[in-house]
Amino acid sequence: MAWRSHGSTNSELIQNLFNNGLMKSARVIEAMNKVDRANYVLPHSKKEAYEDRPQSIGFGATISAPHMHANALEHLVPFLKPSARVLDVGSGSGYMLACLYHLINSIPSRAWVANSPGLILGIEHIPQLAHQSIENLINDGLSKSLETGEIKVVAEDGRNPDPKHGGAWDVIHVGAAAPTIPQALLDQLAAPGRMFIPVGEYDQSIYQIDKNSDGTITQSQLYDVKYVPLTNRESQWEL
């Protein structure tokens, strides 16, 4: 199914994902149409930017296949409202940061009263990737959002986010596979809040983890996947 979603342009890719039933939400479709995937791949890969497959972005990291991004966003969209605090662990190219930003800004102000501006925080432990992701976001027209602090990218270990960032994340997206569900991330998930994370070392699955308003946890194992591991900087450089 995935190969049929390849496109020659970003809009064609998104249309094919929709036609193949890989995305349904109008908000997700709108957000992904605003984010040109060609701005988030390596220069020599731009001709393949609209293929529905993962691509290397260097340093042992990849940008996930578009259908995986679409699926993650479909699961997270109920929690992506104005003023939402969103954490992207292993933010890599910055592609998901851009999509998440557009999603929390896709509800008209008249339909939702936000107490404060939302925050999209990307944590990437490879400094070169963190820097490149900022350049990618600028190239994709999001320089103002970086200047205002609505989007931030920091170079640190996302497995245990620094409390200085504030915690209480409405949404946590993890872009690499953790061997087990990180307690530090679970502790920083807001109530209510949702985390979308690949888990496992050899046999990996996507988990949707909801923290309910009373603090109780609901876990759903969604489907099997194969992701690069969520690891330390030194180990990733060896991949």
Protein backbone atom coordinates (compact mmCIF):
# COMPACT_ATOMS: atom_id res chain seq x y z
CA MET A 1 0.00 0.00 0.00
CA ALA A 2 2.72 2.49 0.98
CA TRP A 3 4.50 2.50 -2.37
CA ARG A 4 1.29 3.57 -4.07
CA SER A 5 1.38 6.79 -2.07
CA HIS A 6 4.53 8.08 -3.77
CA GLY A 7 4.07 11.47 -5.39
CA SER A 8 6.00 13.83 -7.64
CA THR A 9 5.01 16.86 -5.52
CA ASN A 10 4.15 17.36 -1.87
CA SER A 11 0.46 17.90 -2.64
CA GLU A 12 0.35 14.74 -4.77
CA LEU A 13 1.95 12.75 -1.96
CA ILE A 14 -0.65 13.99 0.54
CA GLN A 15 -3.49 13.30 -1.89
CA ASN A 16 -2.24 9.75 -2.45
CA LEU A 17 -1.98 9.14 1.30
CA PHE A 18 -5.60 10.26 1.60
CA ASN A 19 -6.74 8.19 -1.39
CA ASN A 20 -5.13 5.10 0.15
CA GLY A 21 -6.92 5.60 3.45
CA LEU A 22 -3.73 6.47 5.33
CA MET A 23 -5.06 9.81 6.59
CA LYS A 24 -8.59 11.05 7.22
CA SER A 25 -8.55 14.19 9.37
CA ALA A 26 -9.01 17.41 7.42
CA ARG A 27 -6.75 19.15 9.94
CA VAL A 28 -3.94 16.64 9.39
CA ILE A 29 -4.29 16.92 5.62
CA GLU A 30 -4.15 20.71 5.83
CA ALA A 31 -1.10 20.66 8.11
CA MET A 32 0.88 18.20 5.99
CA ASN A 33 0.07 20.20 2.87
CA LYS A 34 1.67 23.23 4.54
CA VAL A 35 4.92 21.38 5.26
CA ASP A 36 7.06 20.68 2.19
CA ARG A 37 8.93 17.45 2.88
CA ALA A 38 11.68 18.47 0.43
CA ASN A 39 12.82 21.05 2.99
CA TYR A 40 13.56 18.31 5.53
CA VAL A 41 15.64 15.79 3.58
CA LEU A 42 19.31 15.94 2.63
CA PRO A 43 20.15 17.95 -0.51
CA HIS A 44 21.01 14.85 -2.55
CA SER A 45 17.67 13.25 -1.55
CA LYS A 46 15.35 16.02 -2.69
CA LYS A 47 14.33 14.12 -5.84
CA GLU A 48 13.05 11.32 -3.57
CA ALA A 49 11.47 13.64 -1.00
CA TYR A 50 7.92 12.72 -1.98
CA GLU A 51 8.39 8.96 -1.90
CA ASP A 52 6.51 7.21 0.88
CA ARG A 53 9.52 5.67 2.59
CA PRO A 54 11.99 6.60 5.34
CA GLN A 55 15.19 8.36 4.31
CA SER A 56 18.53 8.85 6.03
CA ILE A 57 19.27 12.36 7.29
CA GLY A 58 22.74 11.47 8.57
CA PHE A 59 24.20 10.70 12.00
CA GLY A 60 22.34 7.38 12.24
CA ALA A 61 18.96 9.14 12.03
CA THR A 62 16.11 8.98 9.54
CA ILE A 63 13.07 10.97 8.55
CA SER A 64 10.16 8.55 8.84
CA ALA A 65 7.97 7.57 5.91
CA PRO A 66 5.15 10.07 5.26
CA HIS A 67 2.47 7.48 6.06
CA MET A 68 4.02 7.03 9.52
CA HIS A 69 3.97 10.77 10.13
CA ALA A 70 0.35 10.90 8.97
CA ASN A 71 -0.65 8.07 11.28
CA ALA A 72 1.07 9.64 14.28
CA LEU A 73 -0.68 12.95 13.64
CA GLU A 74 -4.05 11.24 13.22
CA HIS A 75 -3.67 9.72 16.70
CA LEU A 76 -2.46 12.94 18.30
CA VAL A 77 -4.81 15.44 16.66
CA PRO A 78 -7.53 15.30 19.38
CA PHE A 79 -5.00 16.80 21.82
CA LEU A 80 -3.50 19.35 19.41
CA LYS A 81 -5.43 22.50 20.27
CA PRO A 82 -4.34 26.13 20.62
CA SER A 83 -2.15 26.64 23.72
CA ALA A 84 -1.15 22.95 23.69
CA ARG A 85 2.32 22.12 24.99
CA VAL A 86 3.88 19.57 22.65
CA LEU A 87 7.15 17.66 23.06
CA ASP A 88 8.85 15.88 20.14
CA VAL A 89 11.63 13.58 21.38
CA GLY A 90 14.20 12.74 18.73
CA SER A 91 12.98 15.59 16.56
CA GLY A 92 15.55 14.88 13.83
CA SER A 93 14.83 16.82 10.64
CA GLY A 94 12.19 19.05 12.25
CA TYR A 95 9.42 17.82 9.94
CA MET A 96 7.09 16.76 12.75
CA LEU A 97 7.74 20.02 14.60
CA ALA A 98 6.37 21.90 11.60
CA CYS A 99 3.31 19.65 11.27
CA LEU A 100 2.58 19.85 14.99
CA TYR A 101 2.90 23.65 14.90
CA HIS A 102 0.40 23.97 12.06
CA LEU A 103 -2.01 21.62 13.83
CA ILE A 104 -2.18 23.60 17.07
CA ASN A 105 -2.79 26.70 14.97
CA SER A 106 -5.44 25.13 12.74
CA ILE A 107 -8.45 25.87 14.97
CA PRO A 108 -9.91 29.38 14.43
CA SER A 109 -9.53 31.62 17.47
CA ARG A 110 -13.27 32.19 17.57
CA ALA A 111 -13.77 28.45 18.12
CA TRP A 112 -11.26 28.11 20.94
CA VAL A 113 -10.17 30.52 23.64
CA ALA A 114 -6.47 29.93 24.31
CA ASN A 115 -5.07 31.09 27.64
CA SER A 116 -1.54 31.30 26.24
CA PRO A 117 0.35 30.58 23.01
CA GLY A 118 1.18 26.95 22.42
CA LEU A 119 4.70 25.55 22.50
CA ILE A 120 6.30 22.99 20.21
CA LEU A 121 9.60 21.79 21.71
CA GLY A 122 11.92 19.52 19.76
CA ILE A 123 14.64 17.66 21.65
CA GLU A 124 17.43 16.24 19.50
CA HIS A 125 20.63 14.92 21.09
CA ILE A 126 22.79 15.28 17.97
CA PRO A 127 23.74 19.00 17.92
CA GLN A 128 24.33 18.99 14.16
CA LEU A 129 20.83 17.63 13.55
CA ALA A 130 19.31 20.15 15.95
CA HIS A 131 21.03 22.96 14.05
CA GLN A 132 20.01 21.54 10.67
CA SER A 133 16.40 21.17 11.77
CA ILE A 134 16.29 24.87 12.63
CA GLU A 135 17.60 25.66 9.15
CA ASN A 136 14.97 23.34 7.67
CA LEU A 137 12.19 25.10 9.57
CA ILE A 138 13.45 28.49 8.40
CA ASN A 139 13.54 27.26 4.79
CA ASP A 140 9.95 26.08 5.24
CA GLY A 141 8.79 29.56 6.25
CA LEU A 142 8.72 29.20 10.03
CA SER A 143 11.44 31.67 11.02
CA LYS A 144 8.96 33.95 12.81
CA SER A 145 7.65 31.06 14.92
CA LEU A 146 11.21 30.26 15.95
CA GLU A 147 11.86 33.91 16.81
CA THR A 148 8.74 34.15 18.98
CA GLY A 149 9.56 30.89 20.76
CA GLU A 150 6.42 29.08 19.61
CA ILE A 151 8.80 26.48 18.16
CA LYS A 152 12.01 25.63 20.02
CA VAL A 153 14.74 23.09 19.32
CA VAL A 154 17.29 22.09 21.96
CA ALA A 155 20.24 19.70 21.78
CA GLU A 156 19.99 17.36 24.77
CA ASP A 157 18.96 13.84 25.78
CA GLY A 158 15.21 13.56 25.29
CA ARG A 159 14.86 10.37 27.30
CA ASN A 160 14.83 12.48 30.46
CA PRO A 161 13.81 16.05 29.51
CA ASP A 162 15.16 18.84 31.68
CA PRO A 163 12.42 20.06 34.06
CA LYS A 164 13.38 23.63 33.13
CA HIS A 165 11.24 23.15 30.01
CA GLY A 166 8.15 23.07 32.22
CA GLY A 167 6.82 19.54 31.76
CA ALA A 168 3.05 18.97 31.75
CA TRP A 169 3.10 18.14 28.03
CA ASP A 170 -0.32 17.73 26.45
CA VAL A 171 1.27 15.69 23.66
CA ILE A 172 4.53 13.75 23.55
CA HIS A 173 5.68 12.29 20.24
CA VAL A 174 8.74 10.04 20.25
CA GLY A 175 10.50 9.47 16.94
CA ALA A 176 12.71 6.51 17.92
CA ALA A 177 12.10 3.19 19.66
CA ALA A 178 12.59 3.04 23.42
CA PRO A 179 13.34 -0.40 24.93
CA THR A 180 10.58 0.25 27.48
CA ILE A 181 8.21 3.15 28.08
CA PRO A 182 10.39 5.86 29.68
CA GLN A 183 9.05 6.71 33.14
CA ALA A 184 10.54 10.21 32.89
CA LEU A 185 8.35 10.94 29.85
CA LEU A 186 5.30 9.41 31.48
CA ASP A 187 5.85 11.60 34.53
CA GLN A 188 5.97 14.73 32.35
CA LEU A 189 2.79 13.88 30.43
CA ALA A 190 -0.10 16.17 31.35
CA ALA A 191 -3.39 14.83 32.68
CA PRO A 192 -5.15 14.59 30.32
CA GLY A 193 -2.44 14.00 27.75
CA ARG A 194 -1.34 11.55 25.06
CA MET A 195 2.01 10.02 24.14
CA PHE A 196 2.73 8.27 20.83
CA ILE A 197 5.86 6.12 21.07
CA PRO A 198 7.51 3.09 19.42
CA VAL A 199 8.58 0.57 22.06
CA GLY A 200 10.82 -2.50 21.88
CA GLU A 201 14.33 -3.56 20.96
CA TYR A 202 13.82 -6.32 18.39
CA ASP A 203 10.05 -6.67 18.21
CA GLN A 204 8.76 -3.10 18.18
CA SER A 205 5.23 -1.76 18.39
CA ILE A 206 3.64 1.66 18.45
CA TYR A 207 1.95 2.48 21.73
CA GLN A 208 -0.63 5.15 22.38
CA ILE A 209 -0.47 6.09 26.05
CA ASP A 210 -3.20 8.25 27.56
CA LYS A 211 -2.94 9.86 30.97
CA ASN A 212 -6.48 10.52 32.07
CA SER A 213 -7.66 13.53 34.07
CA ASP A 214 -7.42 11.54 37.31
CA GLY A 215 -3.84 10.49 36.53
CA THR A 216 -4.65 6.90 35.58
CA ILE A 217 -2.88 5.44 32.54
CA THR A 218 -4.42 3.70 29.54
CA GLN A 219 -2.07 1.95 27.09
CA SER A 220 -2.99 0.77 23.60
CA GLN A 221 -0.64 -1.32 21.45
CA LEU A 222 -1.43 -0.21 17.90
CA TYR A 223 0.77 -2.02 15.35
CA ASP A 224 4.25 -3.41 14.71
CA VAL A 225 7.01 -1.13 13.40
CA LYS A 226 10.76 -0.91 12.87
CA TYR A 227 12.40 2.28 14.13
CA VAL A 228 15.96 3.31 14.92
CA PRO A 229 16.60 2.98 18.68
CA LEU A 230 16.14 5.78 21.19
CA THR A 231 19.65 5.79 22.54
CA ASN A 232 22.51 8.00 23.67
CA ARG A 233 24.48 10.24 21.34
CA GLU A 234 27.57 8.03 21.20
CA SER A 235 25.63 4.89 20.30
CA GLN A 236 23.64 6.66 17.60
CA TRP A 237 26.79 7.86 15.89
CA GLU A 238 27.74 4.19 15.49
CA LEU A 239 24.51 3.26 13.66
